[in-house]
Amino acid sequence: MGCVIDQVMKIRSNKKLFFRKLVTKNAMKKIDNKELKEIIQSGHINLLIGSGCSLDYLTTLLDIENRMNEESTKAQAQKDYYKLIKKSKAVLEESLETEKDEKTKLSKTKQNYDSFLGFWANTISSRSLHIVNKQVNIFTTNFDMFMEDSCERLGIPYNDGFAGQINPNFSVANFNKIQRYKSLQFDNTSDIPLFNIIKLHGSVSWQAKDEKILYSNGSHIADDLDEKTGDDFDEGYKKIAVINPNAEKHFETVLDTNYASMLRKFTLELEKENSILLLIGFSLADNHIKNLLYGVMKSNPTLVVVYFSYSQYDETADKLEEKKNPNLYVISPEPSFSFEKATEYLGKVFSNHDVSDQYEDEE
């Protein structure tokens, strides 16, 4: 037993050393595929998923945030946002989508999420229990149900923060639970691979009622709100527990217990030693989340942040300040590096196939 403990402690020590060496390279740092594979296999995995991952079916917010900040355009902007929320109900009920082209886009987006989550399920399933847990924290600002839908269809266990069967209630504390499997014959236990799906800005499955967040299949979202105005619109709109994309959303986030707790969960997970955060489909336009992330990057030298950039990264402009942050790595091997291409990239890293990677270390 002592030998096993010594071996585990040695592996953990080597892992800490690897992470520290990785984030103390020179300013023109590079990360090769071998290093990327190693930190994913041995680190505490966190993902930050943005609207770019659902872009094939759900359009991005474009100028809606600016319009919500102006009193003269706020009402119409809220209706446009509502239409996007209503459209996302088709993720769980495909019959709601009647346009042929949109049905094709919906199916394609589901396939992309299936491939992405399938990759991570396979990756964490092969982990050793004694080294790192078999959990992946998926933080997202998306309100759609693509991830939950994929997990259900693929049979992947996930935790969405709800507890209870008859009237499920949401609590951030539920994300601290670990599921284990116990064998019938030998009484052995093992971690069940699990995704924590943490929706920082709420979800179409969240219904605000009696100062609680209850689970809903989307039935609380009326189909005719775009035809209503004034108090009639507001009454139906306030039932949807999704943060408005306006300048006040961060004040709303801080004031609301659940939203504030999720942001705290985000920082706490990144503050853990040897954590890794991969950003995909996320533009970092959300200054509140960006500031939290950059703050943790400075306070936790073992944190490794890998940003998959849709646009080919301009090292000269260095808008993400990669050079100033030794633990930030930007991967953008080609223009229009989409969610689908990022998943393919990760798959090739783990299958040891050649990857067209501008960050390969030179001998």
Protein backbone atom coordinates (compact mmCIF):
# COMPACT_ATOMS: atom_id res chain seq x y z
CA MET A 1 0.00 0.00 0.00
CA GLY A 2 2.89 2.33 0.87
CA CYS A 3 4.44 1.77 -2.58
CA VAL A 4 1.18 2.73 -4.28
CA ILE A 5 0.94 5.95 -2.25
CA ASP A 6 4.58 6.80 -3.01
CA GLN A 7 3.96 6.24 -6.72
CA VAL A 8 0.87 8.47 -6.70
CA MET A 9 2.72 11.22 -4.83
CA LYS A 10 5.61 11.01 -7.31
CA ILE A 11 3.25 11.34 -10.27
CA ARG A 12 1.51 14.30 -8.66
CA SER A 13 4.85 15.95 -7.98
CA ASN A 14 5.95 15.46 -11.58
CA LYS A 15 2.62 16.86 -12.77
CA LYS A 16 3.07 20.03 -10.70
CA LEU A 17 6.59 20.44 -12.08
CA PHE A 18 5.33 20.00 -15.65
CA PHE A 19 2.66 22.69 -15.28
CA ARG A 20 5.12 25.12 -13.67
CA LYS A 21 7.69 24.57 -16.43
CA LEU A 22 5.02 25.03 -19.08
CA VAL A 23 3.93 28.46 -17.84
CA THR A 24 7.43 29.84 -17.23
CA LYS A 25 8.65 29.76 -20.83
CA ASN A 26 9.87 32.90 -22.53
CA ALA A 27 7.55 35.58 -23.94
CA MET A 28 7.41 33.98 -27.39
CA LYS A 29 6.13 30.75 -25.84
CA LYS A 30 4.71 27.93 -27.91
CA ILE A 31 2.70 24.86 -26.99
CA ASP A 32 3.12 21.71 -29.02
CA ASN A 33 0.68 18.86 -29.39
CA LYS A 34 2.51 16.63 -26.93
CA GLU A 35 2.29 19.29 -24.23
CA LEU A 36 -1.37 19.98 -24.99
CA LYS A 37 -2.18 16.30 -24.67
CA GLU A 38 -0.26 16.05 -21.40
CA ILE A 39 -1.98 18.97 -19.69
CA ILE A 40 -5.41 17.70 -20.76
CA GLN A 41 -4.66 14.22 -19.46
CA SER A 42 -3.22 15.36 -16.12
CA GLY A 43 -4.98 18.64 -15.30
CA HIS A 44 -8.31 19.64 -13.83
CA ILE A 45 -10.31 20.24 -17.02
CA ASN A 46 -12.48 23.32 -17.48
CA LEU A 47 -14.11 24.45 -20.70
CA LEU A 48 -15.58 27.86 -21.52
CA ILE A 49 -18.06 27.56 -24.37
CA GLY A 50 -19.44 30.60 -26.19
CA SER A 51 -22.11 31.37 -28.77
CA GLY A 52 -19.73 30.52 -31.62
CA CYS A 53 -20.32 26.82 -30.91
CA SER A 54 -24.05 27.15 -31.66
CA LEU A 55 -23.56 29.60 -34.51
CA ASP A 56 -24.68 27.26 -37.29
CA TYR A 57 -28.22 27.37 -35.94
CA LEU A 58 -28.45 30.30 -33.52
CA THR A 59 -27.11 33.66 -34.65
CA THR A 60 -24.84 35.68 -32.37
CA LEU A 61 -26.16 38.74 -30.58
CA LEU A 62 -24.54 41.20 -33.03
CA ASP A 63 -25.65 44.72 -32.03
CA ILE A 64 -28.40 43.62 -29.65
CA GLU A 65 -26.40 44.62 -26.57
CA ASN A 66 -26.01 48.19 -27.82
CA ARG A 67 -29.71 48.36 -28.68
CA MET A 68 -30.71 47.15 -25.21
CA ASN A 69 -28.67 49.94 -23.67
CA GLU A 70 -30.65 52.58 -25.56
CA GLU A 71 -34.11 53.37 -24.22
CA SER A 72 -35.45 54.07 -27.72
CA THR A 73 -34.45 50.63 -29.06
CA LYS A 74 -34.61 48.51 -25.86
CA ALA A 75 -38.15 47.17 -26.35
CA GLN A 76 -37.48 45.87 -29.86
CA ALA A 77 -34.10 44.49 -28.81
CA GLN A 78 -35.77 42.49 -26.04
CA LYS A 79 -38.22 41.07 -28.56
CA ASP A 80 -35.38 40.08 -30.88
CA TYR A 81 -33.62 38.39 -27.97
CA TYR A 82 -36.85 36.63 -27.05
CA LYS A 83 -37.19 35.33 -30.63
CA LEU A 84 -33.72 33.80 -30.37
CA ILE A 85 -34.64 32.19 -27.04
CA LYS A 86 -37.89 30.87 -28.50
CA LYS A 87 -36.09 29.48 -31.53
CA SER A 88 -33.72 27.51 -29.29
CA LYS A 89 -36.67 25.50 -27.94
CA ALA A 90 -36.41 23.47 -31.15
CA VAL A 91 -33.21 21.88 -29.79
CA LEU A 92 -35.41 19.70 -27.56
CA GLU A 93 -38.51 19.72 -29.79
CA GLU A 94 -37.37 19.55 -33.41
CA SER A 95 -40.93 19.72 -34.73
CA LEU A 96 -40.97 23.40 -33.68
CA GLU A 97 -38.53 24.16 -36.50
CA THR A 98 -40.48 24.29 -39.76
CA GLU A 99 -37.92 25.82 -42.15
CA LYS A 100 -36.05 23.18 -44.19
CA ASP A 101 -32.74 25.03 -44.25
CA GLU A 102 -32.94 25.74 -40.53
CA LYS A 103 -33.65 22.08 -39.81
CA THR A 104 -30.44 21.21 -41.64
CA LYS A 105 -28.52 23.76 -39.57
CA LEU A 106 -30.07 22.42 -36.37
CA SER A 107 -29.03 18.88 -37.23
CA LYS A 108 -25.51 19.99 -38.11
CA THR A 109 -25.11 21.86 -34.83
CA LYS A 110 -26.26 18.81 -32.89
CA GLN A 111 -23.67 16.70 -34.72
CA ASN A 112 -20.94 19.17 -33.79
CA TYR A 113 -21.86 18.99 -30.11
CA ASP A 114 -22.06 15.18 -30.28
CA SER A 115 -18.51 15.00 -31.64
CA PHE A 116 -17.19 17.50 -29.10
CA LEU A 117 -18.77 15.92 -26.02
CA GLY A 118 -18.00 12.44 -27.29
CA PHE A 119 -14.31 13.38 -27.45
CA TRP A 120 -14.29 14.60 -23.85
CA ALA A 121 -16.26 11.59 -22.60
CA ASN A 122 -13.67 9.25 -24.11
CA THR A 123 -10.81 11.35 -22.76
CA ILE A 124 -11.91 11.42 -19.12
CA SER A 125 -13.06 7.78 -19.15
CA SER A 126 -9.44 6.66 -19.48
CA ARG A 127 -8.22 8.70 -16.51
CA SER A 128 -6.77 7.13 -13.37
CA LEU A 129 -8.92 7.76 -10.29
CA HIS A 130 -5.88 8.23 -8.04
CA ILE A 131 -4.41 11.07 -10.07
CA VAL A 132 -7.26 13.30 -11.23
CA ASN A 133 -11.03 13.03 -11.09
CA LYS A 134 -13.21 12.14 -14.03
CA GLN A 135 -15.08 15.40 -14.20
CA VAL A 136 -15.14 18.18 -16.76
CA ASN A 137 -16.52 21.58 -15.80
CA ILE A 138 -18.23 23.10 -18.82
CA PHE A 139 -18.89 26.78 -18.25
CA THR A 140 -20.99 28.47 -20.89
CA THR A 141 -22.72 31.78 -21.54
CA ASN A 142 -25.11 30.02 -23.95
CA PHE A 143 -28.74 29.60 -22.93
CA ASP A 144 -29.50 26.83 -25.45
CA MET A 145 -29.83 23.12 -24.62
CA PHE A 146 -27.44 21.64 -27.19
CA MET A 147 -25.09 20.16 -24.58
CA GLU A 148 -27.82 18.62 -22.43
CA ASP A 149 -29.49 17.22 -25.56
CA SER A 150 -26.25 15.61 -26.72
CA CYS A 151 -25.51 14.12 -23.31
CA GLU A 152 -29.01 12.60 -23.18
CA ARG A 153 -28.74 11.05 -26.63
CA LEU A 154 -25.16 9.82 -26.14
CA GLY A 155 -25.84 8.44 -22.67
CA ILE A 156 -23.23 10.68 -21.01
CA PRO A 157 -23.88 11.44 -17.31
CA TYR A 158 -24.09 15.16 -16.62
CA ASN A 159 -24.96 17.53 -13.80
CA ASP A 160 -26.96 20.65 -14.65
CA GLY A 161 -27.26 21.88 -11.06
CA PHE A 162 -30.80 20.62 -10.49
CA ALA A 163 -31.83 18.22 -7.73
CA GLY A 164 -35.18 16.52 -7.21
CA GLN A 165 -37.53 14.57 -9.45
CA ILE A 166 -41.00 16.09 -9.13
CA ASN A 167 -40.01 19.78 -8.95
CA PRO A 168 -36.26 19.99 -9.61
CA ASN A 169 -34.62 23.01 -7.96
CA PHE A 170 -31.36 24.61 -9.05
CA SER A 171 -28.43 25.15 -6.68
CA VAL A 172 -24.77 25.76 -7.46
CA ALA A 173 -23.92 23.50 -4.49
CA ASN A 174 -25.12 20.53 -6.57
CA PHE A 175 -22.05 20.88 -8.79
CA ASN A 176 -19.87 19.72 -5.90
CA LYS A 177 -21.31 16.21 -6.05
CA ILE A 178 -19.30 13.26 -7.38
CA GLN A 179 -21.05 10.18 -8.79
CA ARG A 180 -19.50 6.77 -8.23
CA TYR A 181 -20.20 3.27 -9.46
CA LYS A 182 -20.15 0.36 -6.99
CA SER A 183 -19.63 -3.15 -8.31
CA LEU A 184 -22.05 -5.78 -7.01
CA GLN A 185 -19.56 -8.58 -6.65
CA PHE A 186 -16.42 -7.10 -5.06
CA ASP A 187 -17.79 -3.89 -3.52
CA ASN A 188 -15.26 -1.81 -5.49
CA THR A 189 -16.05 1.79 -6.37
CA SER A 190 -14.95 3.99 -9.26
CA ASP A 191 -15.74 7.53 -10.40
CA ILE A 192 -18.37 7.90 -13.10
CA PRO A 193 -17.19 10.25 -15.87
CA LEU A 194 -19.31 13.36 -15.48
CA PHE A 195 -19.88 16.75 -17.10
CA ASN A 196 -20.83 19.70 -14.94
CA ILE A 197 -22.78 22.01 -17.28
CA ILE A 198 -22.65 25.43 -15.63
CA LYS A 199 -24.67 28.10 -17.43
CA LEU A 200 -23.30 31.44 -16.31
CA HIS A 201 -26.06 33.48 -17.99
CA GLY A 202 -28.99 31.16 -17.37
CA SER A 203 -30.84 28.72 -19.61
CA VAL A 204 -34.09 28.17 -21.48
CA SER A 205 -34.65 25.30 -19.03
CA TRP A 206 -34.63 27.73 -16.09
CA GLN A 207 -37.95 29.06 -14.90
CA ALA A 208 -37.94 31.87 -12.35
CA LYS A 209 -40.71 31.27 -9.82
CA ASP A 210 -41.15 32.28 -6.16
CA GLU A 211 -37.53 33.43 -5.92
CA LYS A 212 -36.33 29.99 -7.04
CA ILE A 213 -35.06 28.51 -10.28
CA LEU A 214 -37.16 25.52 -11.30
CA TYR A 215 -36.51 23.14 -14.18
CA SER A 216 -38.65 23.47 -17.28
CA ASN A 217 -38.72 21.82 -20.69
CA GLY A 218 -39.31 25.26 -22.18
CA SER A 219 -43.07 25.32 -21.67
CA HIS A 220 -42.76 28.47 -19.53
CA ILE A 221 -41.56 30.39 -22.61
CA ALA A 222 -44.70 31.68 -24.32
CA ASP A 223 -44.90 31.41 -28.11
CA ASP A 224 -46.64 34.75 -28.63
CA LEU A 225 -44.63 37.24 -26.58
CA ASP A 226 -43.40 38.99 -29.71
CA GLU A 227 -47.02 40.01 -30.33
CA LYS A 228 -47.37 41.62 -26.89
CA THR A 229 -46.15 44.94 -25.53
CA GLY A 230 -45.67 46.75 -22.24
CA ASP A 231 -46.65 44.95 -19.05
CA ASP A 232 -48.07 41.97 -20.96
CA PHE A 233 -44.67 41.35 -22.58
CA ASP A 234 -42.74 41.98 -19.36
CA GLU A 235 -44.88 39.51 -17.39
CA GLY A 236 -44.01 36.66 -19.71
CA TYR A 237 -40.43 37.75 -20.28
CA LYS A 238 -39.48 37.86 -16.61
CA LYS A 239 -40.30 34.15 -16.25
CA ILE A 240 -37.32 33.34 -18.47
CA ALA A 241 -34.27 33.11 -16.21
CA VAL A 242 -31.77 34.31 -18.79
CA ILE A 243 -29.61 37.38 -18.30
CA ASN A 244 -30.24 40.24 -20.70
CA PRO A 245 -27.27 41.08 -22.94
CA ASN A 246 -26.95 44.68 -21.82
CA ALA A 247 -24.54 46.77 -19.79
CA GLU A 248 -26.50 46.08 -16.58
CA LYS A 249 -26.26 42.30 -16.84
CA HIS A 250 -23.17 42.17 -14.66
CA PHE A 251 -24.83 44.15 -11.90
CA GLU A 252 -27.74 41.75 -12.21
CA THR A 253 -25.28 38.86 -12.02
CA VAL A 254 -23.68 40.15 -8.83
CA LEU A 255 -27.01 40.81 -7.14
CA ASP A 256 -28.53 37.45 -7.91
CA THR A 257 -27.30 34.66 -5.63
CA ASN A 258 -27.18 31.91 -8.23
CA TYR A 259 -25.42 33.92 -10.92
CA ALA A 260 -22.88 35.28 -8.45
CA SER A 261 -22.29 31.77 -7.07
CA MET A 262 -21.63 30.39 -10.54
CA LEU A 263 -19.06 33.08 -11.25
CA ARG A 264 -17.44 32.23 -7.93
CA LYS A 265 -17.44 28.57 -8.94
CA PHE A 266 -15.70 29.60 -12.16
CA THR A 267 -12.87 31.36 -10.34
CA LEU A 268 -12.54 28.67 -7.65
CA GLU A 269 -12.09 25.92 -10.23
CA LEU A 270 -9.44 27.93 -12.06
CA GLU A 271 -7.62 28.68 -8.81
CA LYS A 272 -6.99 24.96 -8.26
CA GLU A 273 -3.43 23.83 -8.83
CA ASN A 274 -2.80 22.34 -12.28
CA SER A 275 -6.08 23.49 -13.79
CA ILE A 276 -6.56 23.92 -17.51
CA LEU A 277 -9.15 26.09 -19.25
CA LEU A 278 -9.96 25.70 -22.93
CA LEU A 279 -11.98 28.49 -24.56
CA ILE A 280 -13.94 27.59 -27.69
CA GLY A 281 -16.46 29.74 -29.56
CA PHE A 282 -15.93 32.49 -26.99
CA SER A 283 -14.90 35.97 -28.11
CA LEU A 284 -13.99 37.37 -24.66
CA ALA A 285 -16.26 40.31 -25.43
CA ASP A 286 -17.84 39.76 -22.01
CA ASN A 287 -15.57 42.04 -19.99
CA HIS A 288 -16.78 40.75 -16.63
CA ILE A 289 -15.79 37.15 -17.36
CA LYS A 290 -12.62 38.31 -19.12
CA ASN A 291 -11.52 40.32 -16.09
CA LEU A 292 -12.18 37.37 -13.78
CA LEU A 293 -10.17 35.08 -16.04
CA TYR A 294 -7.21 37.43 -16.41
CA GLY A 295 -7.20 37.98 -12.65
CA VAL A 296 -6.93 34.24 -11.96
CA MET A 297 -4.22 33.86 -14.61
CA LYS A 298 -2.08 36.26 -12.61
CA SER A 299 -2.83 34.71 -9.21
CA ASN A 300 -2.45 31.03 -10.23
CA PRO A 301 0.83 30.39 -12.08
CA THR A 302 -0.05 26.71 -12.65
CA LEU A 303 -3.24 27.54 -14.55
CA VAL A 304 -2.95 26.88 -18.29
CA VAL A 305 -5.41 28.68 -20.58
CA VAL A 306 -5.74 27.57 -24.20
CA TYR A 307 -7.77 29.85 -26.44
CA PHE A 308 -9.05 28.41 -29.73
CA SER A 309 -9.42 31.51 -31.87
CA TYR A 310 -11.93 31.56 -34.74
CA SER A 311 -9.95 34.30 -36.49
CA GLN A 312 -6.30 33.72 -37.24
CA TYR A 313 -4.45 35.37 -34.38
CA ASP A 314 -2.37 38.45 -35.10
CA GLU A 315 0.66 38.13 -32.82
CA THR A 316 1.71 41.68 -33.63
CA ALA A 317 -1.56 43.22 -32.44
CA ASP A 318 -1.79 40.64 -29.59
CA LYS A 319 -5.30 41.76 -28.53
CA LEU A 320 -5.56 38.93 -26.01
CA GLU A 321 -2.22 39.97 -24.46
CA GLU A 322 -0.78 36.50 -24.89
CA LYS A 323 2.75 37.85 -24.51
CA LYS A 324 1.94 39.46 -21.15
CA ASN A 325 0.32 36.30 -19.77
CA PRO A 326 2.79 33.39 -19.62
CA ASN A 327 0.00 30.86 -19.01
CA LEU A 328 -2.14 31.89 -22.02
CA TYR A 329 -1.77 30.10 -25.36
CA VAL A 330 -3.66 31.00 -28.52
CA ILE A 331 -4.29 28.31 -31.14
CA SER A 332 -5.42 29.56 -34.53
CA PRO A 333 -3.88 27.45 -37.29
CA GLU A 334 -6.15 28.83 -40.02
CA PRO A 335 -8.82 31.49 -40.67
CA SER A 336 -12.40 30.57 -39.72
CA PHE A 337 -11.23 28.00 -37.17
CA SER A 338 -14.72 26.82 -36.26
CA PHE A 339 -16.11 24.71 -33.43
CA GLU A 340 -16.13 21.69 -35.72
CA LYS A 341 -12.49 22.24 -36.73
CA ALA A 342 -11.41 22.74 -33.11
CA THR A 343 -12.94 19.36 -32.20
CA GLU A 344 -11.15 17.71 -35.12
CA TYR A 345 -7.92 19.35 -33.99
CA LEU A 346 -8.24 17.93 -30.47
CA GLY A 347 -9.08 14.50 -31.85
CA LYS A 348 -5.93 14.46 -33.96
CA VAL A 349 -3.81 15.56 -31.00
CA PHE A 350 -4.95 12.49 -29.08
CA SER A 351 -4.73 10.12 -32.02
CA ASN A 352 -1.14 11.26 -32.72
CA HIS A 353 -2.00 12.31 -36.27
CA ASP A 354 -0.24 15.26 -37.83
CA VAL A 355 -1.91 18.54 -36.99
CA SER A 356 -1.30 21.72 -38.92
CA ASP A 357 -0.21 23.66 -35.86
CA GLN A 358 1.55 27.01 -35.91
CA TYR A 359 2.62 26.40 -32.32
CA GLU A 360 4.85 23.38 -32.86
CA ASP A 361 8.17 23.88 -31.03
CA GLU A 362 11.13 24.17 -33.28
CA GLU A 363 14.00 21.80 -32.58
